[in-house]
Amino acid sequence: MKKYTLFCAALCAALVFTSCKSSESAYKQAYLKAKQQEETQQQQVPAAQETNVVTPMVERPVNNTQVVDNADNIAVRQEQVTVVSGAGLKNFSVVVGSFSLKANAEGLQQTLRSEGYDAQIVMNNNVTPAMYRVVATTFDSKVDAAASRNGLQSKYPGAWLLYAK
C-alpha cells in the first residue's frame, strides 16, 4: 500500500512539472508577434514625419540694444532699466544673467552675493517679456567695467556691459 501511494505521488509530481513547461512554439509565436508589431511601427514613423508642421520664424528688428562709444573696441549695450533690488547703478555695469522670471534672477543674485559681489537686479520693460538683468558689478568708468567683465567671464561666459540710460 505504501509503495502504491508513493508511486502515485511521484507520478502526480512528474505530471505537474512537465505540464508547466512552456513549449518552444509559444516562444516562437510571441517572437513573431513582437516582430510584426515592430515592423508596423517602423512603417508608420515615416508617414508621421512627412506631416510635420513648421511655424514660420518672424524676424523683428532689435531696437533697444545699441552699441555706445565703441572707439576702444569694447561693446556696450544701452538699455533703459529700473533697479528692482540693489543700491543703484553707475554708468557702466557688468550683466552676468538675464531672466524672464524674477525668482531666477534672485537666485543668481544670492549666489553672487555669497561670492562677495554687490549684485543687483534691474528690469528692462522695453522687451517682451520683461527681462530681469543680474548686475554683478557697476562702475563709473568703461575701462574698469570691461576689466571686471573679463574677470567674470571665466565663471559667467555670457557676461556683457550695460550702459544704463
C-alpha atoms as a PDB file:
ATOM      1  CA  MET A   1       0.000   0.000   0.000  1.00  0.00           C
ATOM      2  CA  LYS A   2       2.817   2.389   0.838  1.00  0.00           C
ATOM      3  CA  LYS A   3       4.508   1.595  -2.461  1.00  0.00           C
ATOM      4  CA  TYR A   4       1.325   2.304  -4.372  1.00  0.00           C
ATOM      5  CA  THR A   5       0.821   5.675  -2.608  1.00  0.00           C
ATOM      6  CA  LEU A   6       4.457   6.623  -3.171  1.00  0.00           C
ATOM      7  CA  PHE A   7       4.201   5.652  -6.857  1.00  0.00           C
ATOM      8  CA  CYS A   8       1.017   7.780  -7.322  1.00  0.00           C
ATOM      9  CA  ALA A   9       2.633  10.773  -5.598  1.00  0.00           C
ATOM     10  CA  ALA A  10       5.707  10.520  -7.847  1.00  0.00           C
ATOM     11  CA  LEU A  11       3.510  10.213 -10.958  1.00  0.00           C
ATOM     12  CA  CYS A  12       1.471  13.296  -9.936  1.00  0.00           C
ATOM     13  CA  ALA A  13       4.651  15.291  -9.270  1.00  0.00           C
ATOM     14  CA  ALA A  14       6.053  14.335 -12.674  1.00  0.00           C
ATOM     15  CA  LEU A  15       2.820  15.410 -14.382  1.00  0.00           C
ATOM     16  CA  VAL A  16       2.798  18.719 -12.526  1.00  0.00           C
ATOM     17  CA  PHE A  17       6.395  19.567 -13.517  1.00  0.00           C
ATOM     18  CA  THR A  18       6.001  18.549 -17.151  1.00  0.00           C
ATOM     19  CA  SER A  19       2.676  20.297 -17.695  1.00  0.00           C
ATOM     20  CA  CYS A  20       4.035  23.709 -16.549  1.00  0.00           C
ATOM     21  CA  LYS A  21       6.888  23.756 -19.033  1.00  0.00           C
ATOM     22  CA  SER A  22       6.436  26.274 -21.853  1.00  0.00           C
ATOM     23  CA  SER A  23       6.643  24.892 -25.315  1.00  0.00           C
ATOM     24  CA  GLU A  24       9.004  26.182 -27.983  1.00  0.00           C
ATOM     25  CA  SER A  25       6.093  27.052 -30.238  1.00  0.00           C
ATOM     26  CA  ALA A  26       4.708  29.501 -27.667  1.00  0.00           C
ATOM     27  CA  TYR A  27       8.030  31.386 -27.634  1.00  0.00           C
ATOM     28  CA  LYS A  28       8.133  31.400 -31.412  1.00  0.00           C
ATOM     29  CA  GLN A  29       4.596  32.814 -31.638  1.00  0.00           C
ATOM     30  CA  ALA A  30       5.411  35.590 -29.161  1.00  0.00           C
ATOM     31  CA  TYR A  31       8.588  36.455 -31.095  1.00  0.00           C
ATOM     32  CA  LEU A  32       6.747  36.618 -34.424  1.00  0.00           C
ATOM     33  CA  LYS A  33       4.021  38.818 -32.927  1.00  0.00           C
ATOM     34  CA  ALA A  34       6.580  41.246 -31.479  1.00  0.00           C
ATOM     35  CA  LYS A  35       8.481  41.387 -34.764  1.00  0.00           C
ATOM     36  CA  GLN A  36       5.239  42.115 -36.664  1.00  0.00           C
ATOM     37  CA  GLN A  37       4.395  44.989 -34.269  1.00  0.00           C
ATOM     38  CA  GLU A  38       7.892  46.421 -34.705  1.00  0.00           C
ATOM     39  CA  GLU A  39       7.582  46.346 -38.490  1.00  0.00           C
ATOM     40  CA  THR A  40       4.212  48.133 -38.426  1.00  0.00           C
ATOM     41  CA  GLN A  41       5.649  50.837 -36.136  1.00  0.00           C
ATOM     42  CA  GLN A  42       8.583  51.382 -38.500  1.00  0.00           C
ATOM     43  CA  GLN A  43       6.177  51.750 -41.406  1.00  0.00           C
ATOM     44  CA  GLN A  44       4.100  54.326 -39.502  1.00  0.00           C
ATOM     45  CA  VAL A  45       7.086  56.510 -38.475  1.00  0.00           C
ATOM     46  CA  PRO A  46       7.909  57.871 -41.969  1.00  0.00           C
ATOM     47  CA  ALA A  47       4.252  58.764 -42.511  1.00  0.00           C
ATOM     48  CA  ALA A  48       4.250  60.811 -39.291  1.00  0.00           C
ATOM     49  CA  GLN A  49       7.475  62.582 -40.254  1.00  0.00           C
ATOM     50  CA  GLU A  50       6.012  63.746 -43.539  1.00  0.00           C
ATOM     51  CA  THR A  51       3.170  65.613 -41.818  1.00  0.00           C
ATOM     52  CA  ASN A  52       5.320  67.837 -39.549  1.00  0.00           C
ATOM     53  CA  VAL A  53       4.139  71.427 -39.467  1.00  0.00           C
ATOM     54  CA  VAL A  54       6.761  74.117 -39.022  1.00  0.00           C
ATOM     55  CA  THR A  55       5.796  77.552 -37.771  1.00  0.00           C
ATOM     56  CA  PRO A  56       7.473  80.273 -39.803  1.00  0.00           C
ATOM     57  CA  MET A  57      10.033  82.367 -37.980  1.00  0.00           C
ATOM     58  CA  VAL A  58       9.148  86.019 -37.629  1.00  0.00           C
ATOM     59  CA  GLU A  59      12.076  88.387 -37.788  1.00  0.00           C
ATOM     60  CA  ARG A  60      11.878  91.532 -35.693  1.00  0.00           C
ATOM     61  CA  PRO A  61      14.381  94.350 -35.616  1.00  0.00           C
ATOM     62  CA  VAL A  62      16.383  94.895 -32.459  1.00  0.00           C
ATOM     63  CA  ASN A  63      15.576  98.441 -31.458  1.00  0.00           C
ATOM     64  CA  ASN A  64      16.597  98.766 -27.816  1.00  0.00           C
ATOM     65  CA  THR A  65      20.143  97.421 -27.949  1.00  0.00           C
ATOM     66  CA  GLN A  66      22.717  99.900 -29.154  1.00  0.00           C
ATOM     67  CA  VAL A  67      26.480  99.959 -29.015  1.00  0.00           C
ATOM     68  CA  VAL A  68      27.758 103.006 -27.140  1.00  0.00           C
ATOM     69  CA  ASP A  69      31.191 104.622 -27.656  1.00  0.00           C
ATOM     70  CA  ASN A  70      32.984 101.715 -29.271  1.00  0.00           C
ATOM     71  CA  ALA A  71      36.241 103.593 -30.059  1.00  0.00           C
ATOM     72  CA  ASP A  72      38.183 101.280 -27.713  1.00  0.00           C
ATOM     73  CA  ASN A  73      36.550  98.167 -29.235  1.00  0.00           C
ATOM     74  CA  ILE A  74      34.613  97.268 -26.080  1.00  0.00           C
ATOM     75  CA  ALA A  75      30.980  96.537 -26.896  1.00  0.00           C
ATOM     76  CA  VAL A  76      28.403  98.082 -24.586  1.00  0.00           C
ATOM     77  CA  ARG A  77      24.627  97.667 -24.740  1.00  0.00           C
ATOM     78  CA  GLN A  78      22.452 100.625 -23.941  1.00  0.00           C
ATOM     79  CA  GLU A  79      19.116  99.854 -22.282  1.00  0.00           C
ATOM     80  CA  GLN A  80      16.598 101.733 -20.228  1.00  0.00           C
ATOM     81  CA  VAL A  81      16.377  99.816 -16.954  1.00  0.00           C
ATOM     82  CA  THR A  82      14.921 100.312 -13.493  1.00  0.00           C
ATOM     83  CA  VAL A  83      16.528  98.978 -10.311  1.00  0.00           C
ATOM     84  CA  VAL A  84      14.433  96.231  -8.721  1.00  0.00           C
ATOM     85  CA  SER A  85      16.813  95.124  -5.984  1.00  0.00           C
ATOM     86  CA  GLY A  86      20.079  96.817  -5.027  1.00  0.00           C
ATOM     87  CA  ALA A  87      21.753 100.114  -4.223  1.00  0.00           C
ATOM     88  CA  GLY A  88      21.686 101.626  -7.698  1.00  0.00           C
ATOM     89  CA  LEU A  89      23.697 101.631 -10.895  1.00  0.00           C
ATOM     90  CA  LYS A  90      26.607 103.736 -12.016  1.00  0.00           C
ATOM     91  CA  ASN A  91      27.271 104.488 -15.707  1.00  0.00           C
ATOM     92  CA  PHE A  92      28.639 101.062 -16.741  1.00  0.00           C
ATOM     93  CA  SER A  93      27.578  97.715 -15.285  1.00  0.00           C
ATOM     94  CA  VAL A  94      28.523  94.077 -15.853  1.00  0.00           C
ATOM     95  CA  VAL A  95      25.479  91.880 -16.504  1.00  0.00           C
ATOM     96  CA  VAL A  96      26.042  88.155 -15.847  1.00  0.00           C
ATOM     97  CA  GLY A  97      22.497  86.857 -16.320  1.00  0.00           C
ATOM     98  CA  SER A  98      19.167  87.744 -17.927  1.00  0.00           C
ATOM     99  CA  PHE A  99      15.932  86.067 -16.894  1.00  0.00           C
ATOM    100  CA  SER A 100      12.260  86.430 -17.686  1.00  0.00           C
ATOM    101  CA  LEU A 101      11.382  85.181 -14.174  1.00  0.00           C
ATOM    102  CA  LYS A 102      12.302  87.335 -11.199  1.00  0.00           C
ATOM    103  CA  ALA A 103      12.824  84.279  -8.976  1.00  0.00           C
ATOM    104  CA  ASN A 104      15.630  83.028 -11.231  1.00  0.00           C
ATOM    105  CA  ALA A 105      17.314  86.425 -11.132  1.00  0.00           C
ATOM    106  CA  GLU A 106      17.053  86.476  -7.334  1.00  0.00           C
ATOM    107  CA  GLY A 107      18.708  83.055  -7.167  1.00  0.00           C
ATOM    108  CA  LEU A 108      21.707  84.253  -9.192  1.00  0.00           C
ATOM    109  CA  GLN A 109      21.823  87.441  -7.137  1.00  0.00           C
ATOM    110  CA  GLN A 110      22.100  85.387  -3.928  1.00  0.00           C
ATOM    111  CA  THR A 111      24.866  83.271  -5.481  1.00  0.00           C
ATOM    112  CA  LEU A 112      26.822  86.385  -6.440  1.00  0.00           C
ATOM    113  CA  ARG A 113      26.340  87.937  -3.013  1.00  0.00           C
ATOM    114  CA  SER A 114      27.655  84.758  -1.365  1.00  0.00           C
ATOM    115  CA  GLU A 115      30.743  85.137  -3.590  1.00  0.00           C
ATOM    116  CA  GLY A 116      31.285  88.695  -2.307  1.00  0.00           C
ATOM    117  CA  TYR A 117      29.757  90.776  -5.114  1.00  0.00           C
ATOM    118  CA  ASP A 118      27.260  93.587  -4.512  1.00  0.00           C
ATOM    119  CA  ALA A 119      24.819  92.060  -7.001  1.00  0.00           C
ATOM    120  CA  GLN A 120      21.737  93.951  -8.119  1.00  0.00           C
ATOM    121  CA  ILE A 121      18.666  93.182 -10.191  1.00  0.00           C
ATOM    122  CA  VAL A 122      17.439  95.623 -12.833  1.00  0.00           C
ATOM    123  CA  MET A 123      14.456  95.262 -15.136  1.00  0.00           C
ATOM    124  CA  ASN A 124      14.138  96.152 -18.808  1.00  0.00           C
ATOM    125  CA  ASN A 125      10.456  96.721 -19.666  1.00  0.00           C
ATOM    126  CA  ASN A 126      11.149  97.636 -23.285  1.00  0.00           C
ATOM    127  CA  VAL A 127      11.361  93.976 -24.369  1.00  0.00           C
ATOM    128  CA  THR A 128       8.627  91.376 -24.323  1.00  0.00           C
ATOM    129  CA  PRO A 129       8.639  89.582 -21.953  1.00  0.00           C
ATOM    130  CA  ALA A 130      10.262  91.953 -19.467  1.00  0.00           C
ATOM    131  CA  MET A 131      13.806  90.857 -18.684  1.00  0.00           C
ATOM    132  CA  TYR A 132      15.416  90.864 -15.251  1.00  0.00           C
ATOM    133  CA  ARG A 133      19.159  91.558 -15.599  1.00  0.00           C
ATOM    134  CA  VAL A 134      21.513  90.483 -12.823  1.00  0.00           C
ATOM    135  CA  VAL A 135      24.305  93.030 -12.420  1.00  0.00           C
ATOM    136  CA  ALA A 136      27.421  91.743 -10.655  1.00  0.00           C
ATOM    137  CA  THR A 137      29.419  94.995 -10.573  1.00  0.00           C
ATOM    138  CA  THR A 138      28.870  98.612 -11.563  1.00  0.00           C
ATOM    139  CA  PHE A 139      31.423 101.357 -12.350  1.00  0.00           C
ATOM    140  CA  ASP A 140      31.695 104.967 -13.468  1.00  0.00           C
ATOM    141  CA  SER A 141      34.450 104.072 -15.932  1.00  0.00           C
ATOM    142  CA  LYS A 142      34.003 101.902 -19.008  1.00  0.00           C
ATOM    143  CA  VAL A 143      37.570 100.573 -18.720  1.00  0.00           C
ATOM    144  CA  ASP A 144      37.016  99.410 -15.121  1.00  0.00           C
ATOM    145  CA  ALA A 145      33.744  97.728 -16.109  1.00  0.00           C
ATOM    146  CA  ALA A 146      35.451  95.945 -19.012  1.00  0.00           C
ATOM    147  CA  ALA A 147      38.210  94.675 -16.718  1.00  0.00           C
ATOM    148  CA  SER A 148      35.596  93.368 -14.270  1.00  0.00           C
ATOM    149  CA  ARG A 149      33.668  91.715 -17.114  1.00  0.00           C
ATOM    150  CA  ASN A 150      36.850  89.995 -18.327  1.00  0.00           C
ATOM    151  CA  GLY A 151      37.402  88.596 -14.844  1.00  0.00           C
ATOM    152  CA  LEU A 152      33.813  87.394 -14.551  1.00  0.00           C
ATOM    153  CA  GLN A 153      33.689  85.743 -17.989  1.00  0.00           C
ATOM    154  CA  SER A 154      35.594  82.677 -16.782  1.00  0.00           C
ATOM    155  CA  LYS A 155      32.678  81.777 -14.479  1.00  0.00           C
ATOM    156  CA  TYR A 156      29.890  83.591 -16.362  1.00  0.00           C
ATOM    157  CA  PRO A 157      30.763  83.255 -20.077  1.00  0.00           C
ATOM    158  CA  GLY A 158      27.892  85.409 -21.336  1.00  0.00           C
ATOM    159  CA  ALA A 159      28.794  88.472 -19.239  1.00  0.00           C
ATOM    160  CA  TRP A 160      28.324  91.799 -21.047  1.00  0.00           C
ATOM    161  CA  LEU A 161      28.493  95.539 -20.405  1.00  0.00           C
ATOM    162  CA  LEU A 162      25.391  97.654 -19.868  1.00  0.00           C
ATOM    163  CA  TYR A 163      25.143 101.407 -20.177  1.00  0.00           C
ATOM    164  CA  ALA A 164      22.002 102.385 -18.274  1.00  0.00           C
ATOM    165  CA  LYS A 165      20.043 105.314 -19.709  1.00  0.00           C
END
